[in-house]
Structure formats: C-alpha cells, structure tokens
PDB file of all heavy atoms in Angstrom:
ATOM      1  N   ARG A   1       0.239  -0.592   3.670  1.00  0.00           N
ATOM      2  CA  ARG A   1      -0.313  -0.709   2.320  1.00  0.00           C
ATOM      3  C   ARG A   1       0.808  -0.838   1.278  1.00  0.00           C
ATOM      4  O   ARG A   1       1.849  -0.185   1.390  1.00  0.00           O
ATOM      5  CB  ARG A   1      -1.150   0.502   1.967  1.00  0.00           C
ATOM      6  CG  ARG A   1      -2.527   0.536   2.641  1.00  0.00           C
ATOM      7  CD  ARG A   1      -3.322   1.769   2.260  1.00  0.00           C
ATOM      8  NE  ARG A   1      -4.669   1.733   2.825  1.00  0.00           N
ATOM      9  CZ  ARG A   1      -5.541   2.705   2.757  1.00  0.00           C
ATOM     10  NH1 ARG A   1      -5.190   3.846   2.128  1.00  0.00           N
ATOM     11  NH2 ARG A   1      -6.744   2.599   3.274  1.00  0.00           N
ATOM     12  N   PHE A   2       0.567  -1.709   0.322  1.00  0.00           N
ATOM     13  CA  PHE A   2       1.439  -1.873  -0.843  1.00  0.00           C
ATOM     14  C   PHE A   2       0.744  -1.166  -2.003  1.00  0.00           C
ATOM     15  O   PHE A   2      -0.361  -1.527  -2.387  1.00  0.00           O
ATOM     16  CB  PHE A   2       1.645  -3.360  -1.117  1.00  0.00           C
ATOM     17  CG  PHE A   2       2.601  -3.676  -2.233  1.00  0.00           C
ATOM     18  CD1 PHE A   2       3.690  -2.865  -2.508  1.00  0.00           C
ATOM     19  CD2 PHE A   2       2.442  -4.809  -2.998  1.00  0.00           C
ATOM     20  CE1 PHE A   2       4.604  -3.152  -3.499  1.00  0.00           C
ATOM     21  CE2 PHE A   2       3.328  -5.137  -4.004  1.00  0.00           C
ATOM     22  CZ  PHE A   2       4.404  -4.305  -4.253  1.00  0.00           C
ATOM     23  N   LEU A   3       1.404  -0.121  -2.532  1.00  0.00           N
ATOM     24  CA  LEU A   3       0.802   0.757  -3.515  1.00  0.00           C
ATOM     25  C   LEU A   3       1.485   0.634  -4.884  1.00  0.00           C
ATOM     26  O   LEU A   3       2.714   0.685  -4.963  1.00  0.00           O
ATOM     27  CB  LEU A   3       0.865   2.207  -3.053  1.00  0.00           C
ATOM     28  CG  LEU A   3       0.309   2.527  -1.688  1.00  0.00           C
ATOM     29  CD1 LEU A   3       0.592   4.016  -1.381  1.00  0.00           C
ATOM     30  CD2 LEU A   3      -1.174   2.252  -1.613  1.00  0.00           C
ATOM     31  N   ALA A   4       0.702   0.475  -5.918  1.00  0.00           N
ATOM     32  CA  ALA A   4       1.218   0.641  -7.279  1.00  0.00           C
ATOM     33  C   ALA A   4       1.092   2.084  -7.672  1.00  0.00           C
ATOM     34  O   ALA A   4       0.109   2.767  -7.374  1.00  0.00           O
ATOM     35  CB  ALA A   4       0.417  -0.239  -8.250  1.00  0.00           C
ATOM     36  N   ILE A   5       2.142   2.642  -8.301  1.00  0.00           N
ATOM     37  CA  ILE A   5       2.201   4.057  -8.673  1.00  0.00           C
ATOM     38  C   ILE A   5       2.095   4.173 -10.185  1.00  0.00           C
ATOM     39  O   ILE A   5       2.825   3.492 -10.943  1.00  0.00           O
ATOM     40  CB  ILE A   5       3.498   4.691  -8.162  1.00  0.00           C
ATOM     41  CG1 ILE A   5       3.621   4.556  -6.652  1.00  0.00           C
ATOM     42  CG2 ILE A   5       3.572   6.144  -8.606  1.00  0.00           C
ATOM     43  CD1 ILE A   5       4.979   4.994  -6.108  1.00  0.00           C
ATOM     44  N   ASP A   6       1.204   5.035 -10.640  1.00  0.00           N
ATOM     45  CA  ASP A   6       1.128   5.333 -12.058  1.00  0.00           C
ATOM     46  C   ASP A   6       2.224   6.355 -12.388  1.00  0.00           C
ATOM     47  O   ASP A   6       2.199   7.504 -11.900  1.00  0.00           O
ATOM     48  CB  ASP A   6      -0.241   5.933 -12.402  1.00  0.00           C
ATOM     49  CG  ASP A   6      -0.457   6.136 -13.895  1.00  0.00           C
ATOM     50  OD1 ASP A   6       0.554   6.355 -14.626  1.00  0.00           O
ATOM     51  OD2 ASP A   6      -1.622   6.097 -14.330  1.00  0.00           O
ATOM     52  N   PRO A   7       3.214   5.961 -13.198  1.00  0.00           N
ATOM     53  CA  PRO A   7       4.341   6.905 -13.456  1.00  0.00           C
ATOM     54  C   PRO A   7       3.931   8.116 -14.257  1.00  0.00           C
ATOM     55  O   PRO A   7       4.654   9.120 -14.267  1.00  0.00           O
ATOM     56  CB  PRO A   7       5.329   6.038 -14.245  1.00  0.00           C
ATOM     57  CG  PRO A   7       4.508   4.963 -14.867  1.00  0.00           C
ATOM     58  CD  PRO A   7       3.380   4.682 -13.911  1.00  0.00           C
ATOM     59  N   ALA A   8       2.771   8.116 -14.902  1.00  0.00           N
ATOM     60  CA  ALA A   8       2.361   9.267 -15.684  1.00  0.00           C
ATOM     61  C   ALA A   8       1.848  10.419 -14.838  1.00  0.00           C
ATOM     62  O   ALA A   8       2.180  11.569 -15.122  1.00  0.00           O
ATOM     63  CB  ALA A   8       1.265   8.831 -16.695  1.00  0.00           C
ATOM     64  N   ASP A   9       1.086  10.105 -13.792  1.00  0.00           N
ATOM     65  CA  ASP A   9       0.492  11.189 -13.003  1.00  0.00           C
ATOM     66  C   ASP A   9       0.679  11.044 -11.495  1.00  0.00           C
ATOM     67  O   ASP A   9       0.242  11.881 -10.733  1.00  0.00           O
ATOM     68  CB  ASP A   9      -0.997  11.330 -13.315  1.00  0.00           C
ATOM     69  CG  ASP A   9      -1.779  10.048 -13.070  1.00  0.00           C
ATOM     70  OD1 ASP A   9      -1.265   9.142 -12.362  1.00  0.00           O
ATOM     71  OD2 ASP A   9      -2.901   9.919 -13.572  1.00  0.00           O
ATOM     72  N   GLY A  10       1.341   9.971 -11.057  1.00  0.00           N
ATOM     73  CA  GLY A  10       1.628   9.788  -9.645  1.00  0.00           C
ATOM     74  C   GLY A  10       0.508   9.216  -8.812  1.00  0.00           C
ATOM     75  O   GLY A  10       0.636   9.067  -7.600  1.00  0.00           O
ATOM     76  N   ARG A  11      -0.619   8.911  -9.437  1.00  0.00           N
ATOM     77  CA  ARG A  11      -1.724   8.333  -8.687  1.00  0.00           C
ATOM     78  C   ARG A  11      -1.373   6.908  -8.230  1.00  0.00           C
ATOM     79  O   ARG A  11      -0.613   6.225  -8.889  1.00  0.00           O
ATOM     80  CB  ARG A  11      -2.986   8.309  -9.512  1.00  0.00           C
ATOM     81  CG  ARG A  11      -3.600   9.681  -9.750  1.00  0.00           C
ATOM     82  CD  ARG A  11      -4.903   9.592 -10.500  1.00  0.00           C
ATOM     83  NE  ARG A  11      -4.733   9.000 -11.842  1.00  0.00           N
ATOM     84  CZ  ARG A  11      -5.740   8.740 -12.679  1.00  0.00           C
ATOM     85  NH1 ARG A  11      -6.985   9.028 -12.302  1.00  0.00           N
ATOM     86  NH2 ARG A  11      -5.498   8.212 -13.858  1.00  0.00           N
ATOM     87  N   THR A  12      -1.978   6.495  -7.099  1.00  0.00           N
ATOM     88  CA  THR A  12      -1.625   5.183  -6.520  1.00  0.00           C
ATOM     89  C   THR A  12      -2.875   4.313  -6.435  1.00  0.00           C
ATOM     90  O   THR A  12      -3.981   4.797  -6.333  1.00  0.00           O
ATOM     91  CB  THR A  12      -0.987   5.312  -5.141  1.00  0.00           C
ATOM     92  OG1 THR A  12      -1.910   6.008  -4.265  1.00  0.00           O
ATOM     93  CG2 THR A  12       0.323   6.040  -5.207  1.00  0.00           C
ATOM     94  N   THR A  13      -2.615   3.001  -6.503  1.00  0.00           N
ATOM     95  CA  THR A  13      -3.653   1.970  -6.358  1.00  0.00           C
ATOM     96  C   THR A  13      -3.214   1.024  -5.284  1.00  0.00           C
ATOM     97  O   THR A  13      -2.064   0.569  -5.248  1.00  0.00           O
ATOM     98  CB  THR A  13      -3.862   1.211  -7.673  1.00  0.00           C
ATOM     99  OG1 THR A  13      -4.186   2.137  -8.725  1.00  0.00           O
ATOM    100  CG2 THR A  13      -4.973   0.181  -7.524  1.00  0.00           C
ATOM    101  N   ILE A  14      -4.139   0.680  -4.400  1.00  0.00           N
ATOM    102  CA  ILE A  14      -3.805  -0.248  -3.299  1.00  0.00           C
ATOM    103  C   ILE A  14      -3.783  -1.666  -3.820  1.00  0.00           C
ATOM    104  O   ILE A  14      -4.782  -2.194  -4.313  1.00  0.00           O
ATOM    105  CB  ILE A  14      -4.829  -0.128  -2.148  1.00  0.00           C
ATOM    106  CG1 ILE A  14      -4.840   1.289  -1.573  1.00  0.00           C
ATOM    107  CG2 ILE A  14      -4.476  -1.145  -1.041  1.00  0.00           C
ATOM    108  CD1 ILE A  14      -5.955   1.523  -0.557  1.00  0.00           C
ATOM    109  N   LEU A  15      -2.621  -2.317  -3.735  1.00  0.00           N
ATOM    110  CA  LEU A  15      -2.502  -3.714  -4.154  1.00  0.00           C
ATOM    111  C   LEU A  15      -2.776  -4.648  -2.987  1.00  0.00           C
ATOM    112  O   LEU A  15      -3.276  -5.775  -3.180  1.00  0.00           O
ATOM    113  CB  LEU A  15      -1.089  -3.973  -4.703  1.00  0.00           C
ATOM    114  CG  LEU A  15      -0.693  -3.182  -5.953  1.00  0.00           C
ATOM    115  CD1 LEU A  15       0.765  -3.509  -6.342  1.00  0.00           C
ATOM    116  CD2 LEU A  15      -1.645  -3.486  -7.104  1.00  0.00           C
ATOM    117  N   GLU A  16      -2.404  -4.227  -1.797  1.00  0.00           N
ATOM    118  CA  GLU A  16      -2.615  -5.066  -0.614  1.00  0.00           C
ATOM    119  C   GLU A  16      -2.629  -4.174   0.618  1.00  0.00           C
ATOM    120  O   GLU A  16      -1.913  -3.152   0.667  1.00  0.00           O
ATOM    121  CB  GLU A  16      -1.495  -6.086  -0.458  1.00  0.00           C
ATOM    122  CG  GLU A  16      -1.683  -7.008   0.756  1.00  0.00           C
ATOM    123  CD  GLU A  16      -0.440  -7.821   1.066  1.00  0.00           C
ATOM    124  OE1 GLU A  16       0.660  -7.240   1.154  1.00  0.00           O
ATOM    125  OE2 GLU A  16      -0.556  -9.059   1.264  1.00  0.00           O
ATOM    126  N   GLU A  17      -3.422  -4.539   1.602  1.00  0.00           N
ATOM    127  CA  GLU A  17      -3.381  -3.854   2.911  1.00  0.00           C
ATOM    128  C   GLU A  17      -3.348  -4.912   4.006  1.00  0.00           C
ATOM    129  O   GLU A  17      -4.118  -5.882   3.962  1.00  0.00           O
ATOM    130  CB  GLU A  17      -4.600  -2.962   3.103  1.00  0.00           C
ATOM    131  CG  GLU A  17      -4.576  -2.241   4.436  1.00  0.00           C
ATOM    132  CD  GLU A  17      -5.604  -1.119   4.546  1.00  0.00           C
ATOM    133  OE1 GLU A  17      -5.919  -0.513   3.509  1.00  0.00           O
ATOM    134  OE2 GLU A  17      -6.057  -0.846   5.677  1.00  0.00           O
ATOM    135  N   GLN A  18      -2.429  -4.732   4.958  1.00  0.00           N
ATOM    136  CA  GLN A  18      -2.320  -5.629   6.108  1.00  0.00           C
ATOM    137  C   GLN A  18      -2.617  -4.843   7.361  1.00  0.00           C
ATOM    138  O   GLN A  18      -2.199  -3.679   7.514  1.00  0.00           O
ATOM    139  CB  GLN A  18      -0.918  -6.232   6.186  1.00  0.00           C
ATOM    140  CG  GLN A  18      -0.589  -7.207   5.063  1.00  0.00           C
ATOM    141  CD  GLN A  18       0.780  -7.832   5.264  1.00  0.00           C
ATOM    142  OE1 GLN A  18       1.777  -7.166   5.323  1.00  0.00           O
ATOM    143  NE2 GLN A  18       0.794  -9.144   5.395  1.00  0.00           N
ATOM    144  N   ARG A  19      -3.278  -5.522   8.323  1.00  0.00           N
ATOM    145  CA  ARG A  19      -3.594  -4.872   9.604  1.00  0.00           C
ATOM    146  C   ARG A  19      -3.357  -5.873  10.739  1.00  0.00           C
ATOM    147  O   ARG A  19      -3.495  -7.061  10.576  1.00  0.00           O
ATOM    148  CB  ARG A  19      -5.053  -4.374   9.625  1.00  0.00           C
ATOM    149  CG  ARG A  19      -5.281  -3.188   8.698  1.00  0.00           C
ATOM    150  CD  ARG A  19      -6.683  -2.591   8.873  1.00  0.00           C
ATOM    151  NE  ARG A  19      -6.806  -1.389   8.059  1.00  0.00           N
ATOM    152  CZ  ARG A  19      -6.497  -0.173   8.505  1.00  0.00           C
ATOM    153  NH1 ARG A  19      -6.029   0.019   9.734  1.00  0.00           N
ATOM    154  NH2 ARG A  19      -6.640   0.891   7.714  1.00  0.00           N
ATOM    155  N   ASP A  20      -2.991  -5.282  11.872  1.00  0.00           N
ATOM    156  CA  ASP A  20      -2.849  -6.071  13.099  1.00  0.00           C
ATOM    157  C   ASP A  20      -3.102  -5.168  14.288  1.00  0.00           C
ATOM    158  O   ASP A  20      -2.728  -3.981  14.267  1.00  0.00           O
ATOM    159  CB  ASP A  20      -1.436  -6.654  13.196  1.00  0.00           C
ATOM    160  CG  ASP A  20      -1.295  -7.664  14.321  1.00  0.00           C
ATOM    161  OD1 ASP A  20      -0.991  -7.223  15.490  1.00  0.00           O
ATOM    162  OD2 ASP A  20      -1.491  -8.841  14.106  1.00  0.00           O
ATOM    163  N   ASP A  21      -3.735  -5.698  15.331  1.00  0.00           N
ATOM    164  CA  ASP A  21      -4.095  -4.875  16.486  1.00  0.00           C
ATOM    165  C   ASP A  21      -2.880  -4.393  17.256  1.00  0.00           C
ATOM    166  O   ASP A  21      -2.956  -3.383  17.976  1.00  0.00           O
ATOM    167  CB  ASP A  21      -4.998  -5.662  17.447  1.00  0.00           C
ATOM    168  CG  ASP A  21      -6.378  -5.910  16.842  1.00  0.00           C
ATOM    169  OD1 ASP A  21      -6.750  -5.169  15.910  1.00  0.00           O
ATOM    170  OD2 ASP A  21      -7.055  -6.855  17.286  1.00  0.00           O
ATOM    171  N   ARG A  22      -1.730  -5.090  17.132  1.00  0.00           N
ATOM    172  CA  ARG A  22      -0.532  -4.664  17.828  1.00  0.00           C
ATOM    173  C   ARG A  22       0.433  -3.962  16.888  1.00  0.00           C
ATOM    174  O   ARG A  22       0.658  -2.779  16.996  1.00  0.00           O
ATOM    175  CB  ARG A  22       0.109  -5.863  18.544  1.00  0.00           C
ATOM    176  CG  ARG A  22      -0.719  -6.340  19.742  1.00  0.00           C
ATOM    177  CD  ARG A  22      -0.364  -7.722  20.201  1.00  0.00           C
ATOM    178  NE  ARG A  22      -0.724  -8.743  19.208  1.00  0.00           N
ATOM    179  CZ  ARG A  22      -0.552 -10.055  19.419  1.00  0.00           C
ATOM    180  NH1 ARG A  22      -0.008 -10.470  20.546  1.00  0.00           N
ATOM    181  NH2 ARG A  22      -0.917 -10.927  18.496  1.00  0.00           N
ATOM    182  N   TRP A  23       0.993  -4.681  15.924  1.00  0.00           N
ATOM    183  CA  TRP A  23       1.735  -4.039  14.865  1.00  0.00           C
ATOM    184  C   TRP A  23       1.883  -5.002  13.706  1.00  0.00           C
ATOM    185  O   TRP A  23       1.892  -6.218  13.903  1.00  0.00           O
ATOM    186  CB  TRP A  23       3.122  -3.529  15.315  1.00  0.00           C
ATOM    187  CG  TRP A  23       4.147  -4.591  15.577  1.00  0.00           C
ATOM    188  CD1 TRP A  23       4.929  -5.240  14.656  1.00  0.00           C
ATOM    189  CD2 TRP A  23       4.521  -5.153  16.849  1.00  0.00           C
ATOM    190  NE1 TRP A  23       5.746  -6.148  15.260  1.00  0.00           N
ATOM    191  CE2 TRP A  23       5.540  -6.109  16.610  1.00  0.00           C
ATOM    192  CE3 TRP A  23       4.111  -4.910  18.158  1.00  0.00           C
ATOM    193  CZ2 TRP A  23       6.145  -6.843  17.638  1.00  0.00           C
ATOM    194  CZ3 TRP A  23       4.697  -5.639  19.182  1.00  0.00           C
ATOM    195  CH2 TRP A  23       5.705  -6.594  18.904  1.00  0.00           C
ATOM    196  N   VAL A  24       1.997  -4.468  12.502  1.00  0.00           N
ATOM    197  CA  VAL A  24       2.250  -5.267  11.320  1.00  0.00           C
ATOM    198  C   VAL A  24       3.764  -5.441  11.199  1.00  0.00           C
ATOM    199  O   VAL A  24       4.504  -4.473  11.138  1.00  0.00           O
ATOM    200  CB  VAL A  24       1.676  -4.632  10.043  1.00  0.00           C
ATOM    201  CG1 VAL A  24       2.096  -5.440   8.813  1.00  0.00           C
ATOM    202  CG2 VAL A  24       0.171  -4.511  10.144  1.00  0.00           C
ATOM    203  N   ARG A  25       4.197  -6.676  11.167  1.00  0.00           N
ATOM    204  CA  ARG A  25       5.610  -6.956  11.022  1.00  0.00           C
ATOM    205  C   ARG A  25       6.079  -6.607   9.614  1.00  0.00           C
ATOM    206  O   ARG A  25       5.421  -6.964   8.622  1.00  0.00           O
ATOM    207  CB  ARG A  25       5.870  -8.452  11.296  1.00  0.00           C
ATOM    208  CG  ARG A  25       7.260  -8.931  10.960  1.00  0.00           C
ATOM    209  CD  ARG A  25       8.281  -8.405  11.937  1.00  0.00           C
ATOM    210  NE  ARG A  25       9.572  -9.035  11.719  1.00  0.00           N
ATOM    211  CZ  ARG A  25      10.619  -8.828  12.487  1.00  0.00           C
ATOM    212  NH1 ARG A  25      10.515  -8.033  13.541  1.00  0.00           N
ATOM    213  NH2 ARG A  25      11.757  -9.429  12.241  1.00  0.00           N
ATOM    214  N   LEU A  26       7.207  -5.897   9.517  1.00  0.00           N
ATOM    215  CA  LEU A  26       7.803  -5.585   8.226  1.00  0.00           C
ATOM    216  C   LEU A  26       8.860  -6.647   7.928  1.00  0.00           C
ATOM    217  O   LEU A  26       9.892  -6.716   8.634  1.00  0.00           O
ATOM    218  CB  LEU A  26       8.451  -4.192   8.262  1.00  0.00           C
ATOM    219  CG  LEU A  26       7.476  -3.051   8.539  1.00  0.00           C
ATOM    220  CD1 LEU A  26       8.203  -1.734   8.708  1.00  0.00           C
ATOM    221  CD2 LEU A  26       6.428  -2.941   7.428  1.00  0.00           C
TER     222      LEU A  26
END
C-alpha cells in the first residue's frame, strides 16, 4: 500500500494498493 499521511494527526489514506498471488515487486 502507498499511504498519504496527515501530518497533523498521523492518520493515513490509501492512495494505491497492489496485489499479486506470488509477490509484489518493489
């Protein structure tokens, strides 16, 4: 997951999620 972080309170929002049955390449 690629997360945006709110610097005021630390909450996160998912910008993107990638999935693969074997592994997600970094």
